[in-house]
């Protein structure tokens, strides 16, 4: 299934919202700092799958999202690895 540009834009917005939520969460930031002080470098990998079905159909079809260089840089700044 090929995603429309509108669906791709919505998926990017979702990624940005998740990044903002994770980045703004003080519990997450504190826990990351605790792990770093213990000598670990945490990485978070998030996989986004979009499933779609035509109205009235029970068959789901998965689509893939391609990240732009800007998307990947944003994720990397947050220490999130995009695969």
PDB file of N, CA and C in Angstrom:
ATOM      1  N   UNK A   1       0.848  -1.180   0.000  1.00  0.00           N
ATOM      2  CA  UNK A   1       0.000   0.000   0.000  1.00  0.00           C
ATOM      3  C   UNK A   1       0.885   1.232   0.000  1.00  0.00           C
ATOM      4  N   UNK A   2       0.601   2.137  -0.855  1.00  0.00           N
ATOM      5  CA  UNK A   2       1.338   3.399  -0.901  1.00  0.00           C
ATOM      6  C   UNK A   2       0.513   4.444  -0.161  1.00  0.00           C
ATOM      7  N   UNK A   3       1.170   5.128   0.775  1.00  0.00           N
ATOM      8  CA  UNK A   3       0.466   6.153   1.554  1.00  0.00           C
ATOM      9  C   UNK A   3       0.384   7.453   0.774  1.00  0.00           C
ATOM     10  N   UNK A   4      -0.712   8.134   0.938  1.00  0.00           N
ATOM     11  CA  UNK A   4      -0.877   9.431   0.304  1.00  0.00           C
ATOM     12  C   UNK A   4       0.015  10.455   1.007  1.00  0.00           C
ATOM     13  N   UNK A   5       0.249  11.550   0.354  1.00  0.00           N
ATOM     14  CA  UNK A   5       1.054  12.617   0.964  1.00  0.00           C
ATOM     15  C   UNK A   5       0.398  13.119   2.249  1.00  0.00           C
ATOM     16  N   UNK A   6      -0.939  13.151   2.250  1.00  0.00           N
ATOM     17  CA  UNK A   6      -1.678  13.588   3.436  1.00  0.00           C
ATOM     18  C   UNK A   6      -1.430  12.625   4.607  1.00  0.00           C
ATOM     19  N   UNK A   7      -1.443  11.315   4.321  1.00  0.00           N
ATOM     20  CA  UNK A   7      -1.182  10.317   5.368  1.00  0.00           C
ATOM     21  C   UNK A   7       0.254  10.420   5.857  1.00  0.00           C
ATOM     22  N   UNK A   8       1.196  10.626   4.944  1.00  0.00           N
ATOM     23  CA  UNK A   8       2.599  10.784   5.336  1.00  0.00           C
ATOM     24  C   UNK A   8       2.774  12.010   6.229  1.00  0.00           C
ATOM     25  N   UNK A   9       2.117  13.112   5.869  1.00  0.00           N
ATOM     26  CA  UNK A   9       2.207  14.332   6.676  1.00  0.00           C
ATOM     27  C   UNK A   9       1.623  14.100   8.062  1.00  0.00           C
ATOM     28  N   UNK A  10       0.502  13.390   8.127  1.00  0.00           N
ATOM     29  CA  UNK A  10      -0.117  13.093   9.422  1.00  0.00           C
ATOM     30  C   UNK A  10       0.796  12.209  10.263  1.00  0.00           C
ATOM     31  N   UNK A  11       1.457  11.254   9.637  1.00  0.00           N
ATOM     32  CA  UNK A  11       2.393  10.383  10.369  1.00  0.00           C
ATOM     33  C   UNK A  11       3.580  11.187  10.887  1.00  0.00           C
ATOM     34  N   UNK A  12       4.080  12.120  10.086  1.00  0.00           N
ATOM     35  CA  UNK A  12       5.180  12.983  10.551  1.00  0.00           C
ATOM     36  C   UNK A  12       4.721  13.832  11.737  1.00  0.00           C
ATOM     37  N   UNK A  13       3.498  14.345  11.664  1.00  0.00           N
ATOM     38  CA  UNK A  13       2.960  15.129  12.783  1.00  0.00           C
ATOM     39  C   UNK A  13       2.875  14.268  14.044  1.00  0.00           C
ATOM     40  N   UNK A  14       2.481  13.016  13.878  1.00  0.00           N
ATOM     41  CA  UNK A  14       2.426  12.105  15.017  1.00  0.00           C
ATOM     42  C   UNK A  14       3.825  11.922  15.603  1.00  0.00           C
ATOM     43  N   UNK A  15       4.809  11.721  14.748  1.00  0.00           N
ATOM     44  CA  UNK A  15       6.193  11.581  15.214  1.00  0.00           C
ATOM     45  C   UNK A  15       6.658  12.811  15.972  1.00  0.00           C
ATOM     46  N   UNK A  16       6.342  13.983  15.456  1.00  0.00           N
ATOM     47  CA  UNK A  16       6.714  15.230  16.134  1.00  0.00           C
ATOM     48  C   UNK A  16       6.020  15.345  17.481  1.00  0.00           C
ATOM     49  N   UNK A  17       4.752  14.942  17.535  1.00  0.00           N
ATOM     50  CA  UNK A  17       4.006  15.002  18.797  1.00  0.00           C
ATOM     51  C   UNK A  17       4.611  14.037  19.824  1.00  0.00           C
ATOM     52  N   UNK A  18       4.972  12.840  19.363  1.00  0.00           N
ATOM     53  CA  UNK A  18       5.604  11.873  20.267  1.00  0.00           C
ATOM     54  C   UNK A  18       6.943  12.409  20.748  1.00  0.00           C
ATOM     55  N   UNK A  19       7.748  12.962  19.851  1.00  0.00           N
ATOM     56  CA  UNK A  19       9.040  13.548  20.231  1.00  0.00           C
ATOM     57  C   UNK A  19       8.855  14.647  21.262  1.00  0.00           C
ATOM     58  N   UNK A  20       7.884  15.519  21.038  1.00  0.00           N
ATOM     59  CA  UNK A  20       7.643  16.620  21.967  1.00  0.00           C
ATOM     60  C   UNK A  20       7.202  16.097  23.328  1.00  0.00           C
ATOM     61  N   UNK A  21       6.327  15.092  23.322  1.00  0.00           N
ATOM     62  CA  UNK A  21       5.844  14.540  24.587  1.00  0.00           C
ATOM     63  C   UNK A  21       6.973  13.880  25.363  1.00  0.00           C
ATOM     64  N   UNK A  22       7.786  13.100  24.663  1.00  0.00           N
ATOM     65  CA  UNK A  22       8.903  12.427  25.330  1.00  0.00           C
ATOM     66  C   UNK A  22       9.915  13.456  25.820  1.00  0.00           C
ATOM     67  N   UNK A  23      10.230  14.422  24.964  1.00  0.00           N
ATOM     68  CA  UNK A  23      11.226  15.435  25.320  1.00  0.00           C
ATOM     69  C   UNK A  23      10.808  16.328  26.470  1.00  0.00           C
ATOM     70  N   UNK A  24       9.509  16.534  26.639  1.00  0.00           N
ATOM     71  CA  UNK A  24       9.008  17.428  27.682  1.00  0.00           C
ATOM     72  C   UNK A  24       8.767  16.710  29.007  1.00  0.00           C
ATOM     73  N   UNK A  25       8.810  15.401  29.001  1.00  0.00           N
ATOM     74  CA  UNK A  25       8.508  14.630  30.203  1.00  0.00           C
ATOM     75  C   UNK A  25       9.711  14.631  31.144  1.00  0.00           C
ATOM     76  N   UNK A  26       9.549  15.227  32.318  1.00  0.00           N
ATOM     77  CA  UNK A  26      10.676  15.326  33.261  1.00  0.00           C
ATOM     78  C   UNK A  26      11.072  13.967  33.813  1.00  0.00           C
ATOM     79  N   UNK A  27      10.118  13.053  33.960  1.00  0.00           N
ATOM     80  CA  UNK A  27      10.453  11.709  34.430  1.00  0.00           C
ATOM     81  C   UNK A  27      11.377  11.004  33.440  1.00  0.00           C
ATOM     82  N   UNK A  28      11.080  11.148  32.163  1.00  0.00           N
ATOM     83  CA  UNK A  28      11.924  10.539  31.131  1.00  0.00           C
ATOM     84  C   UNK A  28      13.318  11.152  31.180  1.00  0.00           C
ATOM     85  N   UNK A  29      13.389  12.485  31.228  1.00  0.00           N
ATOM     86  CA  UNK A  29      14.682  13.164  31.256  1.00  0.00           C
ATOM     87  C   UNK A  29      15.500  12.754  32.481  1.00  0.00           C
ATOM     88  N   UNK A  30      14.866  12.688  33.634  1.00  0.00           N
ATOM     89  CA  UNK A  30      15.570  12.300  34.854  1.00  0.00           C
ATOM     90  C   UNK A  30      16.065  10.864  34.782  1.00  0.00           C
ATOM     91  N   UNK A  31      15.255   9.980  34.247  1.00  0.00           N
ATOM     92  CA  UNK A  31      15.647   8.578  34.140  1.00  0.00           C
ATOM     93  C   UNK A  31      16.803   8.412  33.159  1.00  0.00           C
ATOM     94  N   UNK A  32      16.765   9.141  32.058  1.00  0.00           N
ATOM     95  CA  UNK A  32      17.872   9.107  31.104  1.00  0.00           C
ATOM     96  C   UNK A  32      19.151   9.584  31.780  1.00  0.00           C
ATOM     97  N   UNK A  33      19.074  10.655  32.536  1.00  0.00           N
ATOM     98  CA  UNK A  33      20.256  11.159  33.238  1.00  0.00           C
ATOM     99  C   UNK A  33      20.766  10.163  34.276  1.00  0.00           C
ATOM    100  N   UNK A  34      19.856   9.474  34.947  1.00  0.00           N
ATOM    101  CA  UNK A  34      20.269   8.448  35.909  1.00  0.00           C
ATOM    102  C   UNK A  34      21.037   7.345  35.198  1.00  0.00           C
ATOM    103  N   UNK A  35      20.510   6.877  34.073  1.00  0.00           N
ATOM    104  CA  UNK A  35      21.204   5.841  33.310  1.00  0.00           C
ATOM    105  C   UNK A  35      22.572   6.318  32.839  1.00  0.00           C
ATOM    106  N   UNK A  36      22.668   7.563  32.386  1.00  0.00           N
ATOM    107  CA  UNK A  36      23.960   8.106  31.945  1.00  0.00           C
ATOM    108  C   UNK A  36      24.947   8.173  33.109  1.00  0.00           C
ATOM    109  N   UNK A  37      24.460   8.572  34.287  1.00  0.00           N
ATOM    110  CA  UNK A  37      25.358   8.640  35.449  1.00  0.00           C
ATOM    111  C   UNK A  37      25.853   7.254  35.858  1.00  0.00           C
ATOM    112  N   UNK A  38      25.122   6.219  35.470  1.00  0.00           N
ATOM    113  CA  UNK A  38      25.523   4.839  35.750  1.00  0.00           C
ATOM    114  C   UNK A  38      26.397   4.262  34.636  1.00  0.00           C
ATOM    115  N   UNK A  39      26.680   5.090  33.622  1.00  0.00           N
ATOM    116  CA  UNK A  39      27.571   4.672  32.547  1.00  0.00           C
ATOM    117  C   UNK A  39      26.888   4.071  31.333  1.00  0.00           C
ATOM    118  N   UNK A  40      25.583   4.252  31.227  1.00  0.00           N
ATOM    119  CA  UNK A  40      24.840   3.721  30.082  1.00  0.00           C
ATOM    120  C   UNK A  40      24.350   4.862  29.208  1.00  0.00           C
ATOM    121  N   UNK A  41      24.253   4.579  27.919  1.00  0.00           N
ATOM    122  CA  UNK A  41      23.690   5.550  26.984  1.00  0.00           C
ATOM    123  C   UNK A  41      22.405   4.959  26.419  1.00  0.00           C
ATOM    124  N   UNK A  42      21.256   5.412  26.919  1.00  0.00           N
ATOM    125  CA  UNK A  42      19.986   4.827  26.466  1.00  0.00           C
ATOM    126  C   UNK A  42      19.607   5.286  25.062  1.00  0.00           C
ATOM    127  N   UNK A  43      19.009   4.376  24.327  1.00  0.00           N
ATOM    128  CA  UNK A  43      18.473   4.671  23.004  1.00  0.00           C
ATOM    129  C   UNK A  43      17.042   4.171  22.957  1.00  0.00           C
ATOM    130  N   UNK A  44      16.189   4.937  22.369  1.00  0.00           N
ATOM    131  CA  UNK A  44      14.798   4.560  22.224  1.00  0.00           C
ATOM    132  C   UNK A  44      14.505   4.387  20.745  1.00  0.00           C
ATOM    133  N   UNK A  45      13.979   3.233  20.398  1.00  0.00           N
ATOM    134  CA  UNK A  45      13.598   2.977  19.021  1.00  0.00           C
ATOM    135  C   UNK A  45      12.077   2.890  18.963  1.00  0.00           C
ATOM    136  N   UNK A  46      11.499   3.692  18.091  1.00  0.00           N
ATOM    137  CA  UNK A  46      10.047   3.698  17.930  1.00  0.00           C
ATOM    138  C   UNK A  46       9.727   3.255  16.514  1.00  0.00           C
ATOM    139  N   UNK A  47       8.833   2.305  16.418  1.00  0.00           N
ATOM    140  CA  UNK A  47       8.407   1.829  15.101  1.00  0.00           C
ATOM    141  C   UNK A  47       6.950   2.231  14.898  1.00  0.00           C
ATOM    142  N   UNK A  48       6.700   2.908  13.815  1.00  0.00           N
ATOM    143  CA  UNK A  48       5.345   3.340  13.500  1.00  0.00           C
ATOM    144  C   UNK A  48       4.836   2.515  12.332  1.00  0.00           C
ATOM    145  N   UNK A  49       3.752   1.822  12.553  1.00  0.00           N
ATOM    146  CA  UNK A  49       3.098   1.086  11.488  1.00  0.00           C
ATOM    147  C   UNK A  49       1.712   1.662  11.311  1.00  0.00           C
ATOM    148  N   UNK A  50       1.359   1.903  10.080  1.00  0.00           N
ATOM    149  CA  UNK A  50       0.028   2.406   9.780  1.00  0.00           C
ATOM    150  C   UNK A  50      -0.710   1.307   9.032  1.00  0.00           C
ATOM    151  N   UNK A  51      -1.829   0.942   9.557  1.00  0.00           N
ATOM    152  CA  UNK A  51      -2.646  -0.075   8.916  1.00  0.00           C
ATOM    153  C   UNK A  51      -3.913   0.587   8.402  1.00  0.00           C
ATOM    154  N   UNK A  52      -4.285   0.216   7.234  1.00  0.00           N
ATOM    155  CA  UNK A  52      -5.472   0.826   6.632  1.00  0.00           C
ATOM    156  C   UNK A  52      -6.327  -0.253   5.986  1.00  0.00           C
ATOM    157  N   UNK A  53      -7.582  -0.010   5.979  1.00  0.00           N
ATOM    158  CA  UNK A  53      -8.519  -0.908   5.309  1.00  0.00           C
ATOM    159  C   UNK A  53      -9.583  -0.047   4.660  1.00  0.00           C
ATOM    160  N   UNK A  54     -10.021  -0.504   3.523  1.00  0.00           N
ATOM    161  CA  UNK A  54     -11.120   0.206   2.885  1.00  0.00           C
ATOM    162  C   UNK A  54     -12.352   0.081   3.760  1.00  0.00           C
ATOM    163  N   UNK A  55     -13.182   1.093   3.725  1.00  0.00           N
ATOM    164  CA  UNK A  55     -14.388   1.090   4.535  1.00  0.00           C
ATOM    165  C   UNK A  55     -15.207  -0.170   4.260  1.00  0.00           C
ATOM    166  N   UNK A  56     -15.582  -0.849   5.345  1.00  0.00           N
ATOM    167  CA  UNK A  56     -16.368  -2.063   5.219  1.00  0.00           C
ATOM    168  C   UNK A  56     -15.536  -3.321   5.042  1.00  0.00           C
ATOM    169  N   UNK A  57     -14.221  -3.166   4.878  1.00  0.00           N
ATOM    170  CA  UNK A  57     -13.342  -4.320   4.691  1.00  0.00           C
ATOM    171  C   UNK A  57     -12.676  -4.678   6.008  1.00  0.00           C
ATOM    172  N   UNK A  58     -12.437  -5.956   6.196  1.00  0.00           N
ATOM    173  CA  UNK A  58     -11.741  -6.393   7.398  1.00  0.00           C
ATOM    174  C   UNK A  58     -10.266  -6.649   7.117  1.00  0.00           C
ATOM    175  N   UNK A  59      -9.844  -6.532   5.870  1.00  0.00           N
ATOM    176  CA  UNK A  59      -8.455  -6.777   5.503  1.00  0.00           C
ATOM    177  C   UNK A  59      -7.617  -5.539   5.768  1.00  0.00           C
ATOM    178  N   UNK A  60      -6.585  -5.693   6.598  1.00  0.00           N
ATOM    179  CA  UNK A  60      -5.676  -4.591   6.887  1.00  0.00           C
ATOM    180  C   UNK A  60      -4.440  -4.723   6.021  1.00  0.00           C
ATOM    181  N   UNK A  61      -3.917  -3.600   5.619  1.00  0.00           N
ATOM    182  CA  UNK A  61      -2.715  -3.583   4.816  1.00  0.00           C
ATOM    183  C   UNK A  61      -1.752  -2.595   5.467  1.00  0.00           C
ATOM    184  N   UNK A  62      -0.516  -3.009   5.709  1.00  0.00           N
ATOM    185  CA  UNK A  62       0.464  -2.158   6.379  1.00  0.00           C
ATOM    186  C   UNK A  62       1.156  -1.265   5.360  1.00  0.00           C
ATOM    187  N   UNK A  63       1.476  -0.054   5.777  1.00  0.00           N
ATOM    188  CA  UNK A  63       2.229   0.879   4.955  1.00  0.00           C
ATOM    189  C   UNK A  63       3.493   1.296   5.674  1.00  0.00           C
ATOM    190  N   UNK A  64       4.465   1.766   4.942  1.00  0.00           N
ATOM    191  CA  UNK A  64       5.716   2.203   5.544  1.00  0.00           C
ATOM    192  C   UNK A  64       5.855   3.700   5.389  1.00  0.00           C
ATOM    193  N   UNK A  65       6.510   4.296   6.373  1.00  0.00           N
ATOM    194  CA  UNK A  65       6.769   5.724   6.354  1.00  0.00           C
ATOM    195  C   UNK A  65       8.250   5.928   6.065  1.00  0.00           C
ATOM    196  N   UNK A  66       8.559   6.788   5.130  1.00  0.00           N
ATOM    197  CA  UNK A  66       9.954   7.123   4.875  1.00  0.00           C
ATOM    198  C   UNK A  66      10.255   8.446   5.570  1.00  0.00           C
ATOM    199  N   UNK A  67      11.306   8.441   6.389  1.00  0.00           N
ATOM    200  CA  UNK A  67      11.697   9.646   7.110  1.00  0.00           C
ATOM    201  C   UNK A  67      12.596  10.507   6.239  1.00  0.00           C
ATOM    202  N   UNK A  68      12.433  11.810   6.355  1.00  0.00           N
ATOM    203  CA  UNK A  68      13.333  12.731   5.677  1.00  0.00           C
ATOM    204  C   UNK A  68      14.593  12.879   6.515  1.00  0.00           C
ATOM    205  N   UNK A  69      15.622  13.506   5.964  1.00  0.00           N
ATOM    206  CA  UNK A  69      16.849  13.760   6.733  1.00  0.00           C
ATOM    207  C   UNK A  69      16.538  14.610   7.973  1.00  0.00           C
ATOM    208  N   UNK A  70      15.642  15.581   7.826  1.00  0.00           N
ATOM    209  CA  UNK A  70      15.256  16.418   8.967  1.00  0.00           C
ATOM    210  C   UNK A  70      14.577  15.587  10.051  1.00  0.00           C
ATOM    211  N   UNK A  71      13.709  14.652   9.649  1.00  0.00           N
ATOM    212  CA  UNK A  71      13.055  13.767  10.613  1.00  0.00           C
ATOM    213  C   UNK A  71      14.101  12.984  11.395  1.00  0.00           C
ATOM    214  N   UNK A  72      15.047  12.398  10.667  1.00  0.00           N
ATOM    215  CA  UNK A  72      16.072  11.571  11.303  1.00  0.00           C
ATOM    216  C   UNK A  72      16.949  12.409  12.222  1.00  0.00           C
ATOM    217  N   UNK A  73      17.328  13.617  11.798  1.00  0.00           N
ATOM    218  CA  UNK A  73      18.149  14.492  12.663  1.00  0.00           C
ATOM    219  C   UNK A  73      17.397  14.842  13.944  1.00  0.00           C
ATOM    220  N   UNK A  74      16.105  15.124  13.822  1.00  0.00           N
ATOM    221  CA  UNK A  74      15.303  15.442  15.005  1.00  0.00           C
ATOM    222  C   UNK A  74      15.264  14.262  15.953  1.00  0.00           C
ATOM    223  N   UNK A  75      15.025  13.088  15.423  1.00  0.00           N
ATOM    224  CA  UNK A  75      14.997  11.892  16.259  1.00  0.00           C
ATOM    225  C   UNK A  75      16.357  11.641  16.903  1.00  0.00           C
ATOM    226  N   UNK A  76      17.437  11.809  16.146  1.00  0.00           N
ATOM    227  CA  UNK A  76      18.769  11.569  16.688  1.00  0.00           C
ATOM    228  C   UNK A  76      19.117  12.563  17.794  1.00  0.00           C
ATOM    229  N   UNK A  77      18.667  13.805  17.667  1.00  0.00           N
ATOM    230  CA  UNK A  77      18.924  14.781  18.729  1.00  0.00           C
ATOM    231  C   UNK A  77      18.255  14.349  20.029  1.00  0.00           C
ATOM    232  N   UNK A  78      17.165  13.621  19.887  1.00  0.00           N
ATOM    233  CA  UNK A  78      16.467  13.119  21.067  1.00  0.00           C
ATOM    234  C   UNK A  78      16.982  11.730  21.456  1.00  0.00           C
ATOM    235  N   UNK A  79      18.038  11.288  20.748  1.00  0.00           N
ATOM    236  CA  UNK A  79      18.630   9.967  20.980  1.00  0.00           C
ATOM    237  C   UNK A  79      17.644   8.847  20.699  1.00  0.00           C
ATOM    238  N   UNK A  80      16.829   9.062  19.656  1.00  0.00           N
ATOM    239  CA  UNK A  80      15.899   8.047  19.181  1.00  0.00           C
ATOM    240  C   UNK A  80      16.420   7.578  17.823  1.00  0.00           C
ATOM    241  N   UNK A  81      16.620   6.287  17.696  1.00  0.00           N
ATOM    242  CA  UNK A  81      17.158   5.747  16.461  1.00  0.00           C
ATOM    243  C   UNK A  81      16.023   5.339  15.534  1.00  0.00           C
ATOM    244  N   UNK A  82      16.063   5.846  14.310  1.00  0.00           N
ATOM    245  CA  UNK A  82      15.059   5.488  13.303  1.00  0.00           C
ATOM    246  C   UNK A  82      15.637   4.402  12.425  1.00  0.00           C
ATOM    247  N   UNK A  83      14.913   3.312  12.275  1.00  0.00           N
ATOM    248  CA  UNK A  83      15.399   2.205  11.436  1.00  0.00           C
ATOM    249  C   UNK A  83      14.458   2.004  10.283  1.00  0.00           C
TER     250      UNK A  83
END
